[in-house]
Amino acid sequence: MIWAQDAAGGIGMGGDLPWHLPEDLAFFREQTRGHAVVMGRKQWESLPDRVRPLPGRRNIVLTRDTGYEAPGAEIVPTLAEALERVAGERAWIIGGGQVYAQAIDLADELVVTMIDDVYQVDVRAPEIGEGWTLVAREPGTGWTTAANGMRYAVERYAVERYAAERHERTGA
């Protein structure tokens, strides 16, 4: 799963990001390109026309509306069906809030851009609770300052069982 959140866990406002952080958009593109991306209908509809479907990725949209059309994307009614379709390949859950809430207990990795500010939001990220281990942070301490002055850091979490295996393999 991959998302950006503010310091209070906010991820969206009115179907859009409440901030503009080009460096994070580039990071998102780099991480997800060449892989499947699974998203809810509202997330799909929030994408600008010029990047819908997200280029270079297999786009899968969740909706219970059997007549829904999303040119360039596969439509599935449930998260379970989406995960069946991507079994054996790397896939990213990219939102929105309801999909993140459904998927967090099924995920093995979280990549979260933490933004050092608080915004007015109407959608929040799921809580990163027990069972998740922070395995990497860039930068290690402090914040990266974007060209527009925003401060952010990228944190990677793994389910504890995978974090232990990773530590054994890499020492990280």
N, C-alpha and C. Protein backbone atom coordinates (compact mmCIF):
# COMPACT_ATOMS: atom_id res chain seq x y z
N MET A 1 0.85 -1.17 0.00
CA MET A 1 0.00 0.00 0.00
C MET A 1 0.90 1.23 0.00
N ILE A 2 0.42 2.27 -0.62
CA ILE A 2 1.20 3.50 -0.70
C ILE A 2 0.26 4.70 -0.58
N TRP A 3 0.68 5.67 0.23
CA TRP A 3 -0.10 6.90 0.37
C TRP A 3 0.78 7.99 0.96
N ALA A 4 0.27 9.22 0.91
CA ALA A 4 0.88 10.36 1.60
C ALA A 4 -0.13 10.84 2.63
N GLN A 5 0.38 11.23 3.79
CA GLN A 5 -0.52 11.73 4.84
C GLN A 5 0.11 12.91 5.55
N ASP A 6 -0.76 13.75 6.11
CA ASP A 6 -0.25 14.86 6.91
C ASP A 6 0.05 14.37 8.32
N ALA A 7 0.51 15.26 9.17
CA ALA A 7 0.94 14.89 10.52
C ALA A 7 -0.19 14.35 11.39
N ALA A 8 -1.44 14.59 10.98
CA ALA A 8 -2.59 14.10 11.74
C ALA A 8 -3.26 12.91 11.05
N GLY A 9 -2.63 12.37 10.00
CA GLY A 9 -3.18 11.21 9.31
C GLY A 9 -4.13 11.55 8.18
N GLY A 10 -4.26 12.82 7.83
CA GLY A 10 -5.16 13.21 6.75
C GLY A 10 -4.58 12.86 5.39
N ILE A 11 -5.46 12.39 4.49
CA ILE A 11 -5.00 12.03 3.14
C ILE A 11 -5.78 12.70 2.02
N GLY A 12 -6.94 13.26 2.31
CA GLY A 12 -7.71 13.83 1.21
C GLY A 12 -8.73 14.85 1.68
N MET A 13 -9.12 15.69 0.72
CA MET A 13 -10.15 16.70 0.98
C MET A 13 -10.94 16.91 -0.30
N GLY A 14 -12.22 16.62 -0.24
CA GLY A 14 -13.06 16.87 -1.40
C GLY A 14 -12.64 16.10 -2.64
N GLY A 15 -12.11 14.89 -2.46
CA GLY A 15 -11.71 14.08 -3.60
C GLY A 15 -10.37 14.45 -4.19
N ASP A 16 -9.57 15.20 -3.47
CA ASP A 16 -8.27 15.63 -3.98
C ASP A 16 -7.26 15.62 -2.84
N LEU A 17 -5.99 15.77 -3.20
CA LEU A 17 -4.96 15.93 -2.18
C LEU A 17 -5.02 17.36 -1.66
N PRO A 18 -4.90 17.56 -0.36
CA PRO A 18 -4.97 18.92 0.18
C PRO A 18 -3.64 19.67 0.07
N TRP A 19 -2.65 19.10 -0.54
CA TRP A 19 -1.33 19.72 -0.70
C TRP A 19 -0.84 19.46 -2.11
N HIS A 20 0.24 20.15 -2.49
CA HIS A 20 0.89 19.92 -3.78
C HIS A 20 2.36 19.64 -3.49
N LEU A 21 2.76 18.40 -3.71
CA LEU A 21 4.13 17.98 -3.43
C LEU A 21 4.65 17.19 -4.64
N PRO A 22 5.19 17.90 -5.65
CA PRO A 22 5.64 17.23 -6.87
C PRO A 22 6.64 16.11 -6.62
N GLU A 23 7.50 16.27 -5.63
CA GLU A 23 8.48 15.23 -5.35
C GLU A 23 7.80 13.92 -4.94
N ASP A 24 6.70 14.02 -4.22
CA ASP A 24 5.98 12.81 -3.82
C ASP A 24 5.25 12.20 -5.01
N LEU A 25 4.70 13.02 -5.89
CA LEU A 25 4.06 12.48 -7.08
C LEU A 25 5.07 11.72 -7.94
N ALA A 26 6.28 12.25 -8.06
CA ALA A 26 7.34 11.57 -8.81
C ALA A 26 7.73 10.27 -8.12
N PHE A 27 7.82 10.28 -6.80
CA PHE A 27 8.13 9.08 -6.04
C PHE A 27 7.04 8.02 -6.23
N PHE A 28 5.78 8.43 -6.16
CA PHE A 28 4.65 7.52 -6.38
C PHE A 28 4.76 6.88 -7.76
N ARG A 29 5.02 7.69 -8.77
CA ARG A 29 5.15 7.19 -10.14
C ARG A 29 6.28 6.16 -10.22
N GLU A 30 7.42 6.49 -9.62
CA GLU A 30 8.58 5.59 -9.64
C GLU A 30 8.28 4.26 -8.95
N GLN A 31 7.59 4.30 -7.83
CA GLN A 31 7.30 3.09 -7.07
C GLN A 31 6.27 2.20 -7.76
N THR A 32 5.28 2.80 -8.40
CA THR A 32 4.15 2.02 -8.93
C THR A 32 4.27 1.67 -10.40
N ARG A 33 5.08 2.38 -11.16
CA ARG A 33 5.19 2.12 -12.60
C ARG A 33 5.62 0.67 -12.84
N GLY A 34 4.95 0.04 -13.79
CA GLY A 34 5.25 -1.34 -14.14
C GLY A 34 4.52 -2.36 -13.29
N HIS A 35 3.70 -1.89 -12.38
CA HIS A 35 2.98 -2.79 -11.46
C HIS A 35 1.48 -2.51 -11.53
N ALA A 36 0.72 -3.40 -10.95
CA ALA A 36 -0.73 -3.19 -10.84
C ALA A 36 -1.01 -2.17 -9.75
N VAL A 37 -2.02 -1.34 -9.97
CA VAL A 37 -2.51 -0.42 -8.95
C VAL A 37 -4.00 -0.70 -8.76
N VAL A 38 -4.39 -0.85 -7.50
CA VAL A 38 -5.77 -1.16 -7.14
C VAL A 38 -6.33 0.05 -6.41
N MET A 39 -7.49 0.53 -6.87
CA MET A 39 -8.08 1.74 -6.28
C MET A 39 -9.60 1.65 -6.30
N GLY A 40 -10.21 2.42 -5.44
CA GLY A 40 -11.66 2.54 -5.45
C GLY A 40 -12.12 3.47 -6.56
N ARG A 41 -13.42 3.43 -6.83
CA ARG A 41 -14.01 4.25 -7.89
C ARG A 41 -13.77 5.74 -7.65
N LYS A 42 -13.94 6.19 -6.42
CA LYS A 42 -13.74 7.62 -6.14
C LYS A 42 -12.29 8.03 -6.40
N GLN A 43 -11.35 7.16 -6.05
CA GLN A 43 -9.94 7.45 -6.32
C GLN A 43 -9.72 7.56 -7.82
N TRP A 44 -10.28 6.61 -8.58
CA TRP A 44 -10.17 6.63 -10.04
C TRP A 44 -10.70 7.96 -10.59
N GLU A 45 -11.87 8.35 -10.12
CA GLU A 45 -12.49 9.57 -10.62
C GLU A 45 -11.72 10.82 -10.21
N SER A 46 -10.93 10.74 -9.15
CA SER A 46 -10.14 11.90 -8.71
C SER A 46 -8.88 12.09 -9.55
N LEU A 47 -8.49 11.08 -10.33
CA LEU A 47 -7.29 11.21 -11.15
C LEU A 47 -7.54 12.20 -12.28
N PRO A 48 -6.59 13.08 -12.56
CA PRO A 48 -6.75 13.98 -13.70
C PRO A 48 -6.90 13.17 -15.00
N ASP A 49 -7.69 13.67 -15.93
CA ASP A 49 -7.93 12.97 -17.19
C ASP A 49 -6.64 12.58 -17.89
N ARG A 50 -5.62 13.43 -17.81
CA ARG A 50 -4.37 13.18 -18.54
C ARG A 50 -3.62 11.95 -18.03
N VAL A 51 -3.93 11.50 -16.81
CA VAL A 51 -3.24 10.32 -16.25
C VAL A 51 -4.23 9.22 -15.86
N ARG A 52 -5.40 9.24 -16.48
CA ARG A 52 -6.38 8.20 -16.19
C ARG A 52 -6.63 7.44 -17.48
N PRO A 53 -6.24 6.17 -17.54
CA PRO A 53 -5.63 5.35 -16.51
C PRO A 53 -4.18 5.77 -16.25
N LEU A 54 -3.69 5.43 -15.06
CA LEU A 54 -2.30 5.74 -14.74
C LEU A 54 -1.41 5.01 -15.73
N PRO A 55 -0.59 5.74 -16.49
CA PRO A 55 0.21 5.11 -17.53
C PRO A 55 1.28 4.17 -16.97
N GLY A 56 1.53 3.10 -17.74
CA GLY A 56 2.58 2.16 -17.37
C GLY A 56 2.23 1.26 -16.21
N ARG A 57 0.95 1.20 -15.88
CA ARG A 57 0.49 0.39 -14.76
C ARG A 57 -0.80 -0.33 -15.15
N ARG A 58 -1.02 -1.48 -14.57
CA ARG A 58 -2.28 -2.19 -14.72
C ARG A 58 -3.26 -1.57 -13.72
N ASN A 59 -4.27 -0.87 -14.19
CA ASN A 59 -5.23 -0.17 -13.34
C ASN A 59 -6.42 -1.07 -13.05
N ILE A 60 -6.72 -1.25 -11.77
CA ILE A 60 -7.87 -2.05 -11.34
C ILE A 60 -8.72 -1.18 -10.44
N VAL A 61 -10.00 -1.06 -10.78
CA VAL A 61 -10.92 -0.18 -10.07
C VAL A 61 -11.99 -1.01 -9.37
N LEU A 62 -12.18 -0.73 -8.08
CA LEU A 62 -13.21 -1.41 -7.29
C LEU A 62 -14.50 -0.60 -7.33
N THR A 63 -15.59 -1.26 -7.69
CA THR A 63 -16.91 -0.63 -7.62
C THR A 63 -17.97 -1.72 -7.63
N ARG A 64 -19.04 -1.47 -6.89
CA ARG A 64 -20.17 -2.41 -6.89
C ARG A 64 -21.11 -2.13 -8.06
N ASP A 65 -20.89 -1.04 -8.77
CA ASP A 65 -21.73 -0.66 -9.91
C ASP A 65 -21.34 -1.52 -11.12
N THR A 66 -22.16 -2.52 -11.44
CA THR A 66 -21.83 -3.46 -12.51
C THR A 66 -21.81 -2.81 -13.89
N GLY A 67 -22.42 -1.65 -14.04
CA GLY A 67 -22.42 -0.97 -15.32
C GLY A 67 -21.35 0.11 -15.44
N TYR A 68 -20.51 0.24 -14.42
CA TYR A 68 -19.51 1.31 -14.40
C TYR A 68 -18.47 1.07 -15.49
N GLU A 69 -18.09 2.14 -16.16
CA GLU A 69 -17.06 2.06 -17.19
C GLU A 69 -15.86 2.91 -16.79
N ALA A 70 -14.70 2.32 -16.91
CA ALA A 70 -13.44 3.01 -16.62
C ALA A 70 -12.47 2.65 -17.75
N PRO A 71 -12.52 3.39 -18.85
CA PRO A 71 -11.69 3.05 -20.00
C PRO A 71 -10.21 2.91 -19.62
N GLY A 72 -9.63 1.79 -20.01
CA GLY A 72 -8.23 1.53 -19.71
C GLY A 72 -7.99 0.84 -18.39
N ALA A 73 -9.07 0.53 -17.67
CA ALA A 73 -8.94 -0.13 -16.36
C ALA A 73 -9.81 -1.39 -16.34
N GLU A 74 -9.45 -2.28 -15.43
CA GLU A 74 -10.28 -3.45 -15.16
C GLU A 74 -11.21 -3.09 -14.01
N ILE A 75 -12.44 -3.54 -14.10
CA ILE A 75 -13.44 -3.27 -13.07
C ILE A 75 -13.68 -4.55 -12.29
N VAL A 76 -13.64 -4.46 -10.97
CA VAL A 76 -13.93 -5.60 -10.10
C VAL A 76 -14.86 -5.14 -8.98
N PRO A 77 -15.70 -6.05 -8.47
CA PRO A 77 -16.64 -5.64 -7.44
C PRO A 77 -16.09 -5.65 -6.02
N THR A 78 -15.00 -6.38 -5.78
CA THR A 78 -14.49 -6.51 -4.41
C THR A 78 -12.97 -6.46 -4.38
N LEU A 79 -12.46 -6.11 -3.22
CA LEU A 79 -11.01 -6.14 -3.02
C LEU A 79 -10.49 -7.56 -3.17
N ALA A 80 -11.24 -8.54 -2.67
CA ALA A 80 -10.81 -9.94 -2.79
C ALA A 80 -10.61 -10.33 -4.25
N GLU A 81 -11.53 -9.93 -5.11
CA GLU A 81 -11.38 -10.26 -6.53
C GLU A 81 -10.19 -9.53 -7.14
N ALA A 82 -9.98 -8.29 -6.76
CA ALA A 82 -8.82 -7.55 -7.26
C ALA A 82 -7.54 -8.27 -6.87
N LEU A 83 -7.46 -8.71 -5.62
CA LEU A 83 -6.25 -9.40 -5.15
C LEU A 83 -6.07 -10.74 -5.85
N GLU A 84 -7.15 -11.43 -6.17
CA GLU A 84 -7.05 -12.67 -6.94
C GLU A 84 -6.46 -12.38 -8.31
N ARG A 85 -6.89 -11.31 -8.93
CA ARG A 85 -6.40 -10.98 -10.28
C ARG A 85 -4.92 -10.63 -10.30
N VAL A 86 -4.40 -10.11 -9.20
CA VAL A 86 -2.99 -9.71 -9.18
C VAL A 86 -2.12 -10.71 -8.43
N ALA A 87 -2.69 -11.86 -8.08
CA ALA A 87 -1.92 -12.87 -7.35
C ALA A 87 -0.63 -13.19 -8.11
N GLY A 88 0.48 -13.20 -7.40
CA GLY A 88 1.76 -13.52 -8.00
C GLY A 88 2.48 -12.34 -8.62
N GLU A 89 1.87 -11.17 -8.64
CA GLU A 89 2.55 -9.99 -9.16
C GLU A 89 2.55 -8.89 -8.11
N ARG A 90 3.48 -7.97 -8.26
CA ARG A 90 3.53 -6.85 -7.32
C ARG A 90 2.37 -5.91 -7.62
N ALA A 91 1.64 -5.57 -6.59
CA ALA A 91 0.49 -4.68 -6.75
C ALA A 91 0.48 -3.67 -5.61
N TRP A 92 0.02 -2.48 -5.92
CA TRP A 92 -0.07 -1.40 -4.95
C TRP A 92 -1.52 -1.02 -4.73
N ILE A 93 -1.94 -0.93 -3.49
CA ILE A 93 -3.24 -0.37 -3.13
C ILE A 93 -3.01 1.14 -3.05
N ILE A 94 -3.76 1.92 -3.84
CA ILE A 94 -3.49 3.36 -3.90
C ILE A 94 -4.67 4.22 -3.44
N GLY A 95 -5.63 3.62 -2.79
CA GLY A 95 -6.72 4.42 -2.21
C GLY A 95 -8.07 4.14 -2.81
N GLY A 96 -8.99 4.87 -2.33
CA GLY A 96 -8.98 5.86 -1.31
C GLY A 96 -9.13 5.29 0.09
N GLY A 97 -9.64 6.13 0.97
CA GLY A 97 -9.71 5.80 2.38
C GLY A 97 -10.41 4.50 2.70
N GLN A 98 -11.54 4.24 2.05
CA GLN A 98 -12.28 3.00 2.32
C GLN A 98 -11.48 1.78 1.88
N VAL A 99 -10.81 1.88 0.75
CA VAL A 99 -10.01 0.76 0.25
C VAL A 99 -8.81 0.52 1.16
N TYR A 100 -8.15 1.59 1.59
CA TYR A 100 -7.05 1.42 2.54
C TYR A 100 -7.52 0.71 3.80
N ALA A 101 -8.68 1.11 4.33
CA ALA A 101 -9.20 0.50 5.56
C ALA A 101 -9.46 -0.99 5.36
N GLN A 102 -9.97 -1.37 4.19
CA GLN A 102 -10.22 -2.78 3.90
C GLN A 102 -8.92 -3.56 3.73
N ALA A 103 -7.91 -2.93 3.15
CA ALA A 103 -6.71 -3.64 2.73
C ALA A 103 -5.61 -3.71 3.78
N ILE A 104 -5.62 -2.84 4.78
CA ILE A 104 -4.45 -2.75 5.66
C ILE A 104 -4.16 -4.07 6.37
N ASP A 105 -5.17 -4.84 6.71
CA ASP A 105 -4.92 -6.11 7.38
C ASP A 105 -4.47 -7.20 6.42
N LEU A 106 -4.50 -6.93 5.12
CA LEU A 106 -4.09 -7.91 4.11
C LEU A 106 -2.72 -7.58 3.52
N ALA A 107 -2.25 -6.37 3.75
CA ALA A 107 -1.00 -5.90 3.14
C ALA A 107 0.22 -6.46 3.85
N ASP A 108 1.34 -6.47 3.14
CA ASP A 108 2.61 -6.86 3.76
C ASP A 108 3.60 -5.71 3.80
N GLU A 109 3.27 -4.60 3.13
CA GLU A 109 4.17 -3.44 3.11
C GLU A 109 3.35 -2.16 3.02
N LEU A 110 3.81 -1.14 3.74
CA LEU A 110 3.24 0.20 3.64
C LEU A 110 4.36 1.15 3.27
N VAL A 111 4.12 2.01 2.30
CA VAL A 111 5.06 3.07 1.95
C VAL A 111 4.29 4.37 2.13
N VAL A 112 4.70 5.15 3.13
CA VAL A 112 3.92 6.31 3.54
C VAL A 112 4.80 7.56 3.51
N THR A 113 4.38 8.53 2.72
CA THR A 113 5.03 9.84 2.75
C THR A 113 4.38 10.64 3.87
N MET A 114 5.18 10.98 4.87
CA MET A 114 4.72 11.76 6.01
C MET A 114 5.01 13.23 5.73
N ILE A 115 3.98 14.05 5.78
CA ILE A 115 4.12 15.48 5.52
C ILE A 115 4.08 16.22 6.85
N ASP A 116 5.09 17.06 7.06
CA ASP A 116 5.26 17.75 8.34
C ASP A 116 4.38 19.00 8.42
N ASP A 117 3.08 18.79 8.34
CA ASP A 117 2.11 19.87 8.45
C ASP A 117 0.74 19.23 8.64
N VAL A 118 -0.24 20.02 9.00
CA VAL A 118 -1.61 19.53 9.18
C VAL A 118 -2.52 20.33 8.26
N TYR A 119 -3.40 19.62 7.56
CA TYR A 119 -4.30 20.23 6.59
C TYR A 119 -5.75 19.94 6.97
N GLN A 120 -6.66 20.71 6.41
CA GLN A 120 -8.08 20.41 6.55
C GLN A 120 -8.38 19.24 5.62
N VAL A 121 -8.93 18.16 6.18
CA VAL A 121 -9.18 16.94 5.42
C VAL A 121 -10.55 16.38 5.75
N ASP A 122 -11.03 15.53 4.85
CA ASP A 122 -12.25 14.78 5.14
C ASP A 122 -12.04 13.27 4.98
N VAL A 123 -10.80 12.87 4.69
CA VAL A 123 -10.44 11.45 4.60
C VAL A 123 -9.13 11.25 5.35
N ARG A 124 -9.08 10.18 6.12
CA ARG A 124 -7.88 9.87 6.90
C ARG A 124 -7.32 8.51 6.50
N ALA A 125 -6.02 8.37 6.67
CA ALA A 125 -5.35 7.09 6.45
C ALA A 125 -5.72 6.13 7.58
N PRO A 126 -5.62 4.83 7.32
CA PRO A 126 -5.82 3.90 8.42
C PRO A 126 -4.67 4.04 9.41
N GLU A 127 -4.94 3.70 10.64
CA GLU A 127 -3.90 3.75 11.66
C GLU A 127 -2.87 2.66 11.40
N ILE A 128 -1.61 3.02 11.51
CA ILE A 128 -0.53 2.04 11.39
C ILE A 128 -0.32 1.50 12.80
N GLY A 129 -0.96 0.42 13.10
CA GLY A 129 -1.01 -0.08 14.47
C GLY A 129 -0.01 -1.17 14.75
N GLU A 130 -0.32 -1.91 15.81
CA GLU A 130 0.52 -3.04 16.19
C GLU A 130 0.58 -4.02 15.03
N GLY A 131 1.69 -4.71 14.92
CA GLY A 131 1.87 -5.65 13.84
C GLY A 131 2.69 -5.08 12.69
N TRP A 132 2.89 -3.76 12.69
CA TRP A 132 3.70 -3.11 11.67
C TRP A 132 5.01 -2.63 12.29
N THR A 133 6.09 -2.79 11.55
CA THR A 133 7.41 -2.36 12.01
C THR A 133 7.98 -1.37 11.00
N LEU A 134 8.46 -0.23 11.49
CA LEU A 134 9.15 0.72 10.63
C LEU A 134 10.49 0.11 10.25
N VAL A 135 10.71 -0.11 8.94
CA VAL A 135 11.95 -0.76 8.50
C VAL A 135 12.89 0.21 7.79
N ALA A 136 12.38 1.36 7.36
CA ALA A 136 13.24 2.35 6.70
C ALA A 136 12.57 3.71 6.75
N ARG A 137 13.40 4.74 6.82
CA ARG A 137 12.91 6.12 6.77
C ARG A 137 13.92 6.94 6.00
N GLU A 138 13.45 7.73 5.06
CA GLU A 138 14.32 8.58 4.26
C GLU A 138 13.85 10.02 4.39
N PRO A 139 14.60 10.93 4.92
CA PRO A 139 15.91 10.70 5.52
C PRO A 139 15.78 9.98 6.85
N GLY A 140 16.89 9.44 7.33
CA GLY A 140 16.88 8.68 8.58
C GLY A 140 16.31 9.46 9.75
N THR A 141 16.68 10.72 9.88
CA THR A 141 16.11 11.60 10.90
C THR A 141 15.80 12.92 10.22
N GLY A 142 14.93 13.68 10.82
CA GLY A 142 14.59 14.98 10.24
C GLY A 142 13.69 14.85 9.02
N TRP A 143 13.79 15.83 8.14
CA TRP A 143 12.88 15.94 7.01
C TRP A 143 13.62 16.31 5.75
N THR A 144 13.07 15.93 4.61
CA THR A 144 13.50 16.44 3.32
C THR A 144 12.68 17.69 3.04
N THR A 145 13.31 18.73 2.54
CA THR A 145 12.58 19.94 2.18
C THR A 145 12.39 19.98 0.68
N ALA A 146 11.13 20.03 0.26
CA ALA A 146 10.78 20.06 -1.16
C ALA A 146 11.10 21.43 -1.75
N ALA A 147 11.10 21.51 -3.07
CA ALA A 147 11.36 22.78 -3.75
C ALA A 147 10.38 23.86 -3.34
N ASN A 148 9.14 23.47 -2.98
CA ASN A 148 8.14 24.46 -2.57
C ASN A 148 8.17 24.74 -1.07
N GLY A 149 9.16 24.18 -0.36
CA GLY A 149 9.32 24.43 1.07
C GLY A 149 8.64 23.43 1.99
N MET A 150 7.80 22.55 1.44
CA MET A 150 7.16 21.53 2.28
C MET A 150 8.20 20.56 2.80
N ARG A 151 7.99 20.10 4.03
CA ARG A 151 8.90 19.12 4.63
C ARG A 151 8.20 17.77 4.67
N TYR A 152 8.95 16.72 4.29
CA TYR A 152 8.37 15.39 4.24
C TYR A 152 9.44 14.33 4.46
N ALA A 153 8.99 13.13 4.75
CA ALA A 153 9.86 11.96 4.88
C ALA A 153 9.08 10.76 4.37
N VAL A 154 9.79 9.78 3.83
CA VAL A 154 9.16 8.55 3.36
C VAL A 154 9.48 7.44 4.35
N GLU A 155 8.43 6.82 4.86
CA GLU A 155 8.58 5.72 5.81
C GLU A 155 8.08 4.43 5.18
N ARG A 156 8.85 3.36 5.40
CA ARG A 156 8.46 2.03 4.91
C ARG A 156 8.21 1.14 6.12
N TYR A 157 7.07 0.49 6.10
CA TYR A 157 6.68 -0.42 7.17
C TYR A 157 6.49 -1.81 6.59
N ALA A 158 6.79 -2.81 7.40
CA ALA A 158 6.54 -4.20 7.02
C ALA A 158 5.77 -4.87 8.14
N VAL A 159 4.96 -5.85 7.76
CA VAL A 159 4.30 -6.66 8.78
C VAL A 159 5.41 -7.30 9.59
N GLU A 160 5.25 -7.40 10.90
CA GLU A 160 6.35 -7.84 11.77
C GLU A 160 7.03 -9.11 11.30
N ARG A 161 6.26 -10.09 10.82
CA ARG A 161 6.90 -11.35 10.39
C ARG A 161 7.83 -11.11 9.21
N TYR A 162 7.45 -10.19 8.29
CA TYR A 162 8.30 -9.88 7.15
C TYR A 162 9.47 -9.00 7.55
N ALA A 163 9.26 -8.13 8.52
CA ALA A 163 10.34 -7.27 8.99
C ALA A 163 11.46 -8.11 9.59
N ALA A 164 11.11 -9.14 10.35
CA ALA A 164 12.12 -10.02 10.94
C ALA A 164 12.89 -10.76 9.85
N GLU A 165 12.18 -11.26 8.83
CA GLU A 165 12.85 -11.95 7.72
C GLU A 165 13.78 -11.00 6.97
N ARG A 166 13.33 -9.77 6.75
CA ARG A 166 14.15 -8.79 6.04
C ARG A 166 15.41 -8.49 6.84
N HIS A 167 15.27 -8.33 8.15
CA HIS A 167 16.42 -8.05 8.99
C HIS A 167 17.43 -9.19 8.91
N GLU A 168 16.95 -10.42 8.92
CA GLU A 168 17.85 -11.58 8.82
C GLU A 168 18.60 -11.58 7.50
N ARG A 169 17.93 -11.20 6.40
CA ARG A 169 18.54 -11.21 5.07
C ARG A 169 19.49 -10.05 4.87
N THR A 170 19.10 -8.86 5.33
CA THR A 170 19.84 -7.65 4.95
C THR A 170 20.52 -6.94 6.10
N GLY A 171 20.13 -7.26 7.32
CA GLY A 171 20.66 -6.55 8.47
C GLY A 171 20.00 -5.20 8.67
N ALA A 172 19.02 -4.86 7.81
CA ALA A 172 18.32 -3.56 7.91
C ALA A 172 17.02 -3.71 8.66
